[in-house]
């Protein structure tokens, strides 16, 4: 399911216009993104949690030349699936 399909489902299930459904989905997504930017952990019961993982500087290798390169520290979003969703998917 992509964003437009989610908007369509919300519009159909809650009998609201596509524009209102799009506004709701955008508000939720923007709120989640803003929370992650500020370093907050997001937990949605029954679905999972979003956290920011921080990686320290390390030495990697250039795949073309094999030359060692220094990789800067970085922060990346990470999703951990919740127990309830995992059980539903596994059957």
PDB file of N, CA and C in Angstrom:
ATOM      1  N   UNK A   1       0.849  -1.176   0.000  1.00  0.00           N
ATOM      2  CA  UNK A   1       0.000   0.000   0.000  1.00  0.00           C
ATOM      3  C   UNK A   1       0.895   1.239   0.000  1.00  0.00           C
ATOM      4  N   UNK A   2       0.561   2.189  -0.846  1.00  0.00           N
ATOM      5  CA  UNK A   2       1.308   3.434  -0.866  1.00  0.00           C
ATOM      6  C   UNK A   2       0.439   4.554  -0.278  1.00  0.00           C
ATOM      7  N   UNK A   3       0.998   5.762  -0.249  1.00  0.00           N
ATOM      8  CA  UNK A   3       0.316   6.884   0.391  1.00  0.00           C
ATOM      9  C   UNK A   3      -1.038   7.184  -0.258  1.00  0.00           C
ATOM     10  N   UNK A   4      -1.097   7.194  -1.586  1.00  0.00           N
ATOM     11  CA  UNK A   4      -2.368   7.510  -2.253  1.00  0.00           C
ATOM     12  C   UNK A   4      -3.420   6.434  -1.983  1.00  0.00           C
ATOM     13  N   UNK A   5      -3.011   5.181  -1.874  1.00  0.00           N
ATOM     14  CA  UNK A   5      -3.954   4.107  -1.546  1.00  0.00           C
ATOM     15  C   UNK A   5      -4.455   4.251  -0.103  1.00  0.00           C
ATOM     16  N   UNK A   6      -3.574   4.671   0.788  1.00  0.00           N
ATOM     17  CA  UNK A   6      -3.971   4.910   2.170  1.00  0.00           C
ATOM     18  C   UNK A   6      -5.002   6.039   2.239  1.00  0.00           C
ATOM     19  N   UNK A   7      -4.763   7.103   1.504  1.00  0.00           N
ATOM     20  CA  UNK A   7      -5.699   8.231   1.445  1.00  0.00           C
ATOM     21  C   UNK A   7      -7.050   7.763   0.907  1.00  0.00           C
ATOM     22  N   UNK A   8      -7.027   6.967  -0.142  1.00  0.00           N
ATOM     23  CA  UNK A   8      -8.263   6.450  -0.735  1.00  0.00           C
ATOM     24  C   UNK A   8      -9.035   5.587   0.259  1.00  0.00           C
ATOM     25  N   UNK A   9      -8.339   4.705   0.974  1.00  0.00           N
ATOM     26  CA  UNK A   9      -8.994   3.841   1.963  1.00  0.00           C
ATOM     27  C   UNK A   9      -9.617   4.662   3.086  1.00  0.00           C
ATOM     28  N   UNK A  10      -8.895   5.666   3.565  1.00  0.00           N
ATOM     29  CA  UNK A  10      -9.424   6.534   4.615  1.00  0.00           C
ATOM     30  C   UNK A  10     -10.661   7.266   4.120  1.00  0.00           C
ATOM     31  N   UNK A  11     -10.614   7.759   2.904  1.00  0.00           N
ATOM     32  CA  UNK A  11     -11.735   8.469   2.310  1.00  0.00           C
ATOM     33  C   UNK A  11     -12.971   7.573   2.220  1.00  0.00           C
ATOM     34  N   UNK A  12     -12.781   6.345   1.788  1.00  0.00           N
ATOM     35  CA  UNK A  12     -13.893   5.399   1.633  1.00  0.00           C
ATOM     36  C   UNK A  12     -14.429   4.942   2.987  1.00  0.00           C
ATOM     37  N   UNK A  13     -13.518   4.521   3.884  1.00  0.00           N
ATOM     38  CA  UNK A  13     -13.942   3.955   5.169  1.00  0.00           C
ATOM     39  C   UNK A  13     -14.584   4.965   6.102  1.00  0.00           C
ATOM     40  N   UNK A  14     -14.165   6.217   6.037  1.00  0.00           N
ATOM     41  CA  UNK A  14     -14.709   7.232   6.948  1.00  0.00           C
ATOM     42  C   UNK A  14     -15.625   8.222   6.238  1.00  0.00           C
ATOM     43  N   UNK A  15     -15.927   7.947   4.968  1.00  0.00           N
ATOM     44  CA  UNK A  15     -16.853   8.764   4.187  1.00  0.00           C
ATOM     45  C   UNK A  15     -16.515  10.253   4.260  1.00  0.00           C
ATOM     46  N   UNK A  16     -15.236  10.554   3.951  1.00  0.00           N
ATOM     47  CA  UNK A  16     -14.784  11.945   3.875  1.00  0.00           C
ATOM     48  C   UNK A  16     -14.216  12.187   2.478  1.00  0.00           C
ATOM     49  N   UNK A  17     -14.067  13.437   2.128  1.00  0.00           N
ATOM     50  CA  UNK A  17     -13.527  13.763   0.808  1.00  0.00           C
ATOM     51  C   UNK A  17     -12.061  13.337   0.718  1.00  0.00           C
ATOM     52  N   UNK A  18     -11.620  13.143  -0.513  1.00  0.00           N
ATOM     53  CA  UNK A  18     -10.216  12.791  -0.719  1.00  0.00           C
ATOM     54  C   UNK A  18      -9.298  13.869  -0.172  1.00  0.00           C
ATOM     55  N   UNK A  19      -9.696  15.139  -0.314  1.00  0.00           N
ATOM     56  CA  UNK A  19      -8.874  16.255   0.174  1.00  0.00           C
ATOM     57  C   UNK A  19      -8.722  16.196   1.679  1.00  0.00           C
ATOM     58  N   UNK A  20      -9.816  15.943   2.405  1.00  0.00           N
ATOM     59  CA  UNK A  20      -9.744  15.836   3.865  1.00  0.00           C
ATOM     60  C   UNK A  20      -8.887  14.643   4.273  1.00  0.00           C
ATOM     61  N   UNK A  21      -9.076  13.526   3.608  1.00  0.00           N
ATOM     62  CA  UNK A  21      -8.291  12.330   3.908  1.00  0.00           C
ATOM     63  C   UNK A  21      -6.816  12.595   3.647  1.00  0.00           C
ATOM     64  N   UNK A  22      -6.507  13.290   2.546  1.00  0.00           N
ATOM     65  CA  UNK A  22      -5.113  13.625   2.234  1.00  0.00           C
ATOM     66  C   UNK A  22      -4.526  14.537   3.304  1.00  0.00           C
ATOM     67  N   UNK A  23      -5.309  15.510   3.759  1.00  0.00           N
ATOM     68  CA  UNK A  23      -4.846  16.416   4.818  1.00  0.00           C
ATOM     69  C   UNK A  23      -4.526  15.650   6.098  1.00  0.00           C
ATOM     70  N   UNK A  24      -5.403  14.713   6.470  1.00  0.00           N
ATOM     71  CA  UNK A  24      -5.197  13.916   7.684  1.00  0.00           C
ATOM     72  C   UNK A  24      -3.913  13.089   7.565  1.00  0.00           C
ATOM     73  N   UNK A  25      -3.744  12.405   6.453  1.00  0.00           N
ATOM     74  CA  UNK A  25      -2.558  11.566   6.251  1.00  0.00           C
ATOM     75  C   UNK A  25      -1.291  12.433   6.258  1.00  0.00           C
ATOM     76  N   UNK A  26      -1.335  13.586   5.598  1.00  0.00           N
ATOM     77  CA  UNK A  26      -0.168  14.474   5.578  1.00  0.00           C
ATOM     78  C   UNK A  26       0.168  15.006   6.965  1.00  0.00           C
ATOM     79  N   UNK A  27      -0.853  15.345   7.750  1.00  0.00           N
ATOM     80  CA  UNK A  27      -0.613  15.815   9.114  1.00  0.00           C
ATOM     81  C   UNK A  27       0.066  14.728   9.938  1.00  0.00           C
ATOM     82  N   UNK A  28      -0.427  13.508   9.825  1.00  0.00           N
ATOM     83  CA  UNK A  28       0.158  12.389  10.582  1.00  0.00           C
ATOM     84  C   UNK A  28       1.601  12.154  10.143  1.00  0.00           C
ATOM     85  N   UNK A  29       1.836  12.055   8.844  1.00  0.00           N
ATOM     86  CA  UNK A  29       3.193  11.793   8.353  1.00  0.00           C
ATOM     87  C   UNK A  29       4.150  12.914   8.728  1.00  0.00           C
ATOM     88  N   UNK A  30       3.702  14.167   8.592  1.00  0.00           N
ATOM     89  CA  UNK A  30       4.567  15.296   8.943  1.00  0.00           C
ATOM     90  C   UNK A  30       4.864  15.328  10.432  1.00  0.00           C
ATOM     91  N   UNK A  31       3.885  14.984  11.249  1.00  0.00           N
ATOM     92  CA  UNK A  31       4.096  14.933  12.695  1.00  0.00           C
ATOM     93  C   UNK A  31       5.096  13.848  13.065  1.00  0.00           C
ATOM     94  N   UNK A  32       4.967  12.686  12.444  1.00  0.00           N
ATOM     95  CA  UNK A  32       5.911  11.594  12.699  1.00  0.00           C
ATOM     96  C   UNK A  32       7.331  11.998  12.278  1.00  0.00           C
ATOM     97  N   UNK A  33       7.456  12.593  11.099  1.00  0.00           N
ATOM     98  CA  UNK A  33       8.774  13.006  10.605  1.00  0.00           C
ATOM     99  C   UNK A  33       9.379  14.063  11.515  1.00  0.00           C
ATOM    100  N   UNK A  34       8.584  15.028  11.936  1.00  0.00           N
ATOM    101  CA  UNK A  34       9.093  16.091  12.809  1.00  0.00           C
ATOM    102  C   UNK A  34       9.544  15.529  14.151  1.00  0.00           C
ATOM    103  N   UNK A  35       8.797  14.584  14.686  1.00  0.00           N
ATOM    104  CA  UNK A  35       9.182  13.945  15.950  1.00  0.00           C
ATOM    105  C   UNK A  35      10.522  13.230  15.798  1.00  0.00           C
ATOM    106  N   UNK A  36      10.726  12.559  14.678  1.00  0.00           N
ATOM    107  CA  UNK A  36      11.994  11.855  14.469  1.00  0.00           C
ATOM    108  C   UNK A  36      13.151  12.837  14.296  1.00  0.00           C
ATOM    109  N   UNK A  37      12.891  13.969  13.625  1.00  0.00           N
ATOM    110  CA  UNK A  37      13.930  14.982  13.437  1.00  0.00           C
ATOM    111  C   UNK A  37      14.404  15.505  14.789  1.00  0.00           C
ATOM    112  N   UNK A  38      13.479  15.636  15.740  1.00  0.00           N
ATOM    113  CA  UNK A  38      13.846  16.136  17.062  1.00  0.00           C
ATOM    114  C   UNK A  38      14.357  15.031  17.988  1.00  0.00           C
ATOM    115  N   UNK A  39      14.472  13.803  17.462  1.00  0.00           N
ATOM    116  CA  UNK A  39      15.064  12.710  18.231  1.00  0.00           C
ATOM    117  C   UNK A  39      14.085  11.916  19.075  1.00  0.00           C
ATOM    118  N   UNK A  40      12.803  12.151  18.898  1.00  0.00           N
ATOM    119  CA  UNK A  40      11.808  11.414  19.677  1.00  0.00           C
ATOM    120  C   UNK A  40      11.624  10.001  19.143  1.00  0.00           C
ATOM    121  N   UNK A  41      11.268   9.101  20.049  1.00  0.00           N
ATOM    122  CA  UNK A  41      10.921   7.730  19.676  1.00  0.00           C
ATOM    123  C   UNK A  41       9.418   7.706  19.431  1.00  0.00           C
ATOM    124  N   UNK A  42       8.991   6.998  18.410  1.00  0.00           N
ATOM    125  CA  UNK A  42       7.570   6.905  18.078  1.00  0.00           C
ATOM    126  C   UNK A  42       7.148   5.455  18.237  1.00  0.00           C
ATOM    127  N   UNK A  43       6.093   5.235  19.015  1.00  0.00           N
ATOM    128  CA  UNK A  43       5.583   3.880  19.195  1.00  0.00           C
ATOM    129  C   UNK A  43       4.109   3.859  18.848  1.00  0.00           C
ATOM    130  N   UNK A  44       3.734   2.983  17.932  1.00  0.00           N
ATOM    131  CA  UNK A  44       2.335   2.818  17.552  1.00  0.00           C
ATOM    132  C   UNK A  44       1.957   1.385  17.921  1.00  0.00           C
ATOM    133  N   UNK A  45       1.162   1.278  18.972  1.00  0.00           N
ATOM    134  CA  UNK A  45       0.786  -0.047  19.484  1.00  0.00           C
ATOM    135  C   UNK A  45       0.133  -0.869  18.378  1.00  0.00           C
ATOM    136  N   UNK A  46       0.531  -2.127  18.288  1.00  0.00           N
ATOM    137  CA  UNK A  46      -0.024  -3.020  17.281  1.00  0.00           C
ATOM    138  C   UNK A  46       0.707  -2.955  15.953  1.00  0.00           C
ATOM    139  N   UNK A  47       1.560  -1.935  15.766  1.00  0.00           N
ATOM    140  CA  UNK A  47       2.297  -1.784  14.516  1.00  0.00           C
ATOM    141  C   UNK A  47       3.794  -1.926  14.748  1.00  0.00           C
ATOM    142  N   UNK A  48       4.357  -1.021  15.532  1.00  0.00           N
ATOM    143  CA  UNK A  48       5.789  -1.066  15.803  1.00  0.00           C
ATOM    144  C   UNK A  48       6.289   0.274  16.291  1.00  0.00           C
ATOM    145  N   UNK A  49       7.612   0.437  16.281  1.00  0.00           N
ATOM    146  CA  UNK A  49       8.200   1.676  16.766  1.00  0.00           C
ATOM    147  C   UNK A  49       9.267   2.173  15.794  1.00  0.00           C
ATOM    148  N   UNK A  50       9.394   3.484  15.765  1.00  0.00           N
ATOM    149  CA  UNK A  50      10.409   4.144  14.959  1.00  0.00           C
ATOM    150  C   UNK A  50      11.409   4.781  15.906  1.00  0.00           C
ATOM    151  N   UNK A  51      12.679   4.534  15.668  1.00  0.00           N
ATOM    152  CA  UNK A  51      13.736   5.142  16.475  1.00  0.00           C
ATOM    153  C   UNK A  51      14.835   5.636  15.546  1.00  0.00           C
ATOM    154  N   UNK A  52      15.671   6.500  16.074  1.00  0.00           N
ATOM    155  CA  UNK A  52      16.837   6.967  15.335  1.00  0.00           C
ATOM    156  C   UNK A  52      18.043   6.213  15.872  1.00  0.00           C
ATOM    157  N   UNK A  53      18.747   5.522  15.002  1.00  0.00           N
ATOM    158  CA  UNK A  53      19.984   4.835  15.388  1.00  0.00           C
ATOM    159  C   UNK A  53      21.155   5.716  15.009  1.00  0.00           C
ATOM    160  N   UNK A  54      22.065   5.875  15.951  1.00  0.00           N
ATOM    161  CA  UNK A  54      23.253   6.683  15.707  1.00  0.00           C
ATOM    162  C   UNK A  54      24.443   5.766  15.465  1.00  0.00           C
ATOM    163  N   UNK A  55      25.183   6.066  14.413  1.00  0.00           N
ATOM    164  CA  UNK A  55      26.358   5.287  14.055  1.00  0.00           C
ATOM    165  C   UNK A  55      27.595   6.160  14.210  1.00  0.00           C
ATOM    166  N   UNK A  56      28.606   5.631  14.847  1.00  0.00           N
ATOM    167  CA  UNK A  56      29.867   6.339  15.062  1.00  0.00           C
ATOM    168  C   UNK A  56      30.698   6.334  13.787  1.00  0.00           C
ATOM    169  N   UNK A  57      31.753   7.120  13.794  1.00  0.00           N
ATOM    170  CA  UNK A  57      32.703   7.131  12.687  1.00  0.00           C
ATOM    171  C   UNK A  57      33.382   5.760  12.594  1.00  0.00           C
ATOM    172  N   UNK A  58      33.589   5.294  11.374  1.00  0.00           N
ATOM    173  CA  UNK A  58      34.314   4.044  11.181  1.00  0.00           C
ATOM    174  C   UNK A  58      35.084   4.100   9.873  1.00  0.00           C
ATOM    175  N   UNK A  59      35.999   3.174   9.705  1.00  0.00           N
ATOM    176  CA  UNK A  59      36.783   3.104   8.479  1.00  0.00           C
ATOM    177  C   UNK A  59      36.155   2.074   7.561  1.00  0.00           C
ATOM    178  N   UNK A  60      35.788   2.534   6.368  1.00  0.00           N
ATOM    179  CA  UNK A  60      35.223   1.646   5.368  1.00  0.00           C
ATOM    180  C   UNK A  60      36.194   1.499   4.210  1.00  0.00           C
ATOM    181  N   UNK A  61      35.733   0.922   3.126  1.00  0.00           N
ATOM    182  CA  UNK A  61      36.582   0.748   1.949  1.00  0.00           C
ATOM    183  C   UNK A  61      35.831   1.213   0.705  1.00  0.00           C
ATOM    184  N   UNK A  62      36.568   1.894  -0.175  1.00  0.00           N
ATOM    185  CA  UNK A  62      36.010   2.270  -1.466  1.00  0.00           C
ATOM    186  C   UNK A  62      35.864   0.982  -2.274  1.00  0.00           C
ATOM    187  N   UNK A  63      34.656   0.632  -2.728  1.00  0.00           N
ATOM    188  CA  UNK A  63      34.471  -0.645  -3.428  1.00  0.00           C
ATOM    189  C   UNK A  63      35.226  -0.730  -4.754  1.00  0.00           C
ATOM    190  N   UNK A  64      35.482   0.399  -5.406  1.00  0.00           N
ATOM    191  CA  UNK A  64      36.199   0.364  -6.680  1.00  0.00           C
ATOM    192  C   UNK A  64      37.699   0.169  -6.498  1.00  0.00           C
ATOM    193  N   UNK A  65      38.268   0.916  -5.546  1.00  0.00           N
ATOM    194  CA  UNK A  65      39.732   0.908  -5.398  1.00  0.00           C
ATOM    195  C   UNK A  65      40.216   0.082  -4.225  1.00  0.00           C
ATOM    196  N   UNK A  66      39.323  -0.194  -3.269  1.00  0.00           N
ATOM    197  CA  UNK A  66      39.734  -0.914  -2.071  1.00  0.00           C
ATOM    198  C   UNK A  66      40.423  -0.001  -1.068  1.00  0.00           C
ATOM    199  N   UNK A  67      40.542   1.265  -1.400  1.00  0.00           N
ATOM    200  CA  UNK A  67      41.209   2.237  -0.538  1.00  0.00           C
ATOM    201  C   UNK A  67      40.370   2.502   0.718  1.00  0.00           C
ATOM    202  N   UNK A  68      41.020   2.544   1.889  1.00  0.00           N
ATOM    203  CA  UNK A  68      40.270   2.851   3.120  1.00  0.00           C
ATOM    204  C   UNK A  68      39.749   4.289   3.094  1.00  0.00           C
ATOM    205  N   UNK A  69      38.533   4.460   3.562  1.00  0.00           N
ATOM    206  CA  UNK A  69      37.947   5.800   3.674  1.00  0.00           C
ATOM    207  C   UNK A  69      37.289   5.940   5.038  1.00  0.00           C
ATOM    208  N   UNK A  70      37.273   7.153   5.543  1.00  0.00           N
ATOM    209  CA  UNK A  70      36.651   7.412   6.835  1.00  0.00           C
ATOM    210  C   UNK A  70      35.176   7.760   6.594  1.00  0.00           C
ATOM    211  N   UNK A  71      34.287   7.030   7.255  1.00  0.00           N
ATOM    212  CA  UNK A  71      32.855   7.260   7.131  1.00  0.00           C
ATOM    213  C   UNK A  71      32.423   8.108   8.326  1.00  0.00           C
ATOM    214  N   UNK A  72      31.776   9.230   8.022  1.00  0.00           N
ATOM    215  CA  UNK A  72      31.342  10.153   9.073  1.00  0.00           C
ATOM    216  C   UNK A  72      30.240   9.542   9.928  1.00  0.00           C
ATOM    217  N   UNK A  73      30.099  10.034  11.159  1.00  0.00           N
ATOM    218  CA  UNK A  73      28.981   9.554  11.985  1.00  0.00           C
ATOM    219  C   UNK A  73      27.659   9.936  11.328  1.00  0.00           C
ATOM    220  N   UNK A  74      26.634   9.140  11.569  1.00  0.00           N
ATOM    221  CA  UNK A  74      25.346   9.427  10.949  1.00  0.00           C
ATOM    222  C   UNK A  74      24.211   8.931  11.837  1.00  0.00           C
ATOM    223  N   UNK A  75      23.037   9.464  11.565  1.00  0.00           N
ATOM    224  CA  UNK A  75      21.809   9.041  12.241  1.00  0.00           C
ATOM    225  C   UNK A  75      20.858   8.554  11.160  1.00  0.00           C
ATOM    226  N   UNK A  76      20.274   7.392  11.379  1.00  0.00           N
ATOM    227  CA  UNK A  76      19.339   6.828  10.402  1.00  0.00           C
ATOM    228  C   UNK A  76      18.068   6.357  11.097  1.00  0.00           C
ATOM    229  N   UNK A  77      16.911   6.549  10.452  1.00  0.00           N
ATOM    230  CA  UNK A  77      15.663   6.043  11.026  1.00  0.00           C
ATOM    231  C   UNK A  77      15.622   4.517  10.939  1.00  0.00           C
ATOM    232  N   UNK A  78      15.013   3.915  11.929  1.00  0.00           N
ATOM    233  CA  UNK A  78      14.925   2.459  12.002  1.00  0.00           C
ATOM    234  C   UNK A  78      13.528   2.095  12.480  1.00  0.00           C
ATOM    235  N   UNK A  79      12.896   1.109  11.837  1.00  0.00           N
ATOM    236  CA  UNK A  79      11.579   0.637  12.240  1.00  0.00           C
ATOM    237  C   UNK A  79      11.707  -0.745  12.842  1.00  0.00           C
ATOM    238  N   UNK A  80      11.126  -0.924  14.019  1.00  0.00           N
ATOM    239  CA  UNK A  80      11.097  -2.240  14.653  1.00  0.00           C
ATOM    240  C   UNK A  80       9.638  -2.686  14.708  1.00  0.00           C
ATOM    241  N   UNK A  81       9.344  -3.790  14.055  1.00  0.00           N
ATOM    242  CA  UNK A  81       7.976  -4.299  13.985  1.00  0.00           C
ATOM    243  C   UNK A  81       7.501  -4.721  15.376  1.00  0.00           C
ATOM    244  N   UNK A  82       6.231  -4.448  15.670  1.00  0.00           N
ATOM    245  CA  UNK A  82       5.638  -4.819  16.947  1.00  0.00           C
ATOM    246  C   UNK A  82       5.241  -6.287  16.984  1.00  0.00           C
ATOM    247  N   UNK A  83       5.080  -6.798  18.190  1.00  0.00           N
ATOM    248  CA  UNK A  83       4.759  -8.210  18.389  1.00  0.00           C
ATOM    249  C   UNK A  83       3.440  -8.593  17.713  1.00  0.00           C
ATOM    250  N   UNK A  84       2.413  -7.743  17.873  1.00  0.00           N
ATOM    251  CA  UNK A  84       1.098  -8.053  17.320  1.00  0.00           C
ATOM    252  C   UNK A  84       1.138  -8.142  15.790  1.00  0.00           C
ATOM    253  N   UNK A  85       1.795  -7.197  15.142  1.00  0.00           N
ATOM    254  CA  UNK A  85       1.908  -7.219  13.682  1.00  0.00           C
ATOM    255  C   UNK A  85       2.731  -8.421  13.227  1.00  0.00           C
ATOM    256  N   UNK A  86       3.804  -8.688  13.926  1.00  0.00           N
ATOM    257  CA  UNK A  86       4.659  -9.826  13.570  1.00  0.00           C
ATOM    258  C   UNK A  86       3.869 -11.125  13.614  1.00  0.00           C
ATOM    259  N   UNK A  87       3.053 -11.289  14.656  1.00  0.00           N
ATOM    260  CA  UNK A  87       2.248 -12.508  14.785  1.00  0.00           C
ATOM    261  C   UNK A  87       1.186 -12.596  13.679  1.00  0.00           C
ATOM    262  N   UNK A  88       0.596 -11.447  13.306  1.00  0.00           N
ATOM    263  CA  UNK A  88      -0.411 -11.453  12.239  1.00  0.00           C
ATOM    264  C   UNK A  88       0.205 -11.826  10.900  1.00  0.00           C
ATOM    265  N   UNK A  89       1.393 -11.326  10.631  1.00  0.00           N
ATOM    266  CA  UNK A  89       2.063 -11.617   9.361  1.00  0.00           C
ATOM    267  C   UNK A  89       2.503 -13.066   9.298  1.00  0.00           C
ATOM    268  N   UNK A  90       3.034 -13.571  10.408  1.00  0.00           N
ATOM    269  CA  UNK A  90       3.519 -14.949  10.434  1.00  0.00           C
ATOM    270  C   UNK A  90       2.377 -15.965  10.433  1.00  0.00           C
ATOM    271  N   UNK A  91       1.198 -15.511  10.823  1.00  0.00           N
ATOM    272  CA  UNK A  91       0.031 -16.395  10.791  1.00  0.00           C
ATOM    273  C   UNK A  91      -0.140 -17.087  12.048  1.00  0.00           C
TER     274      UNK A  91
END
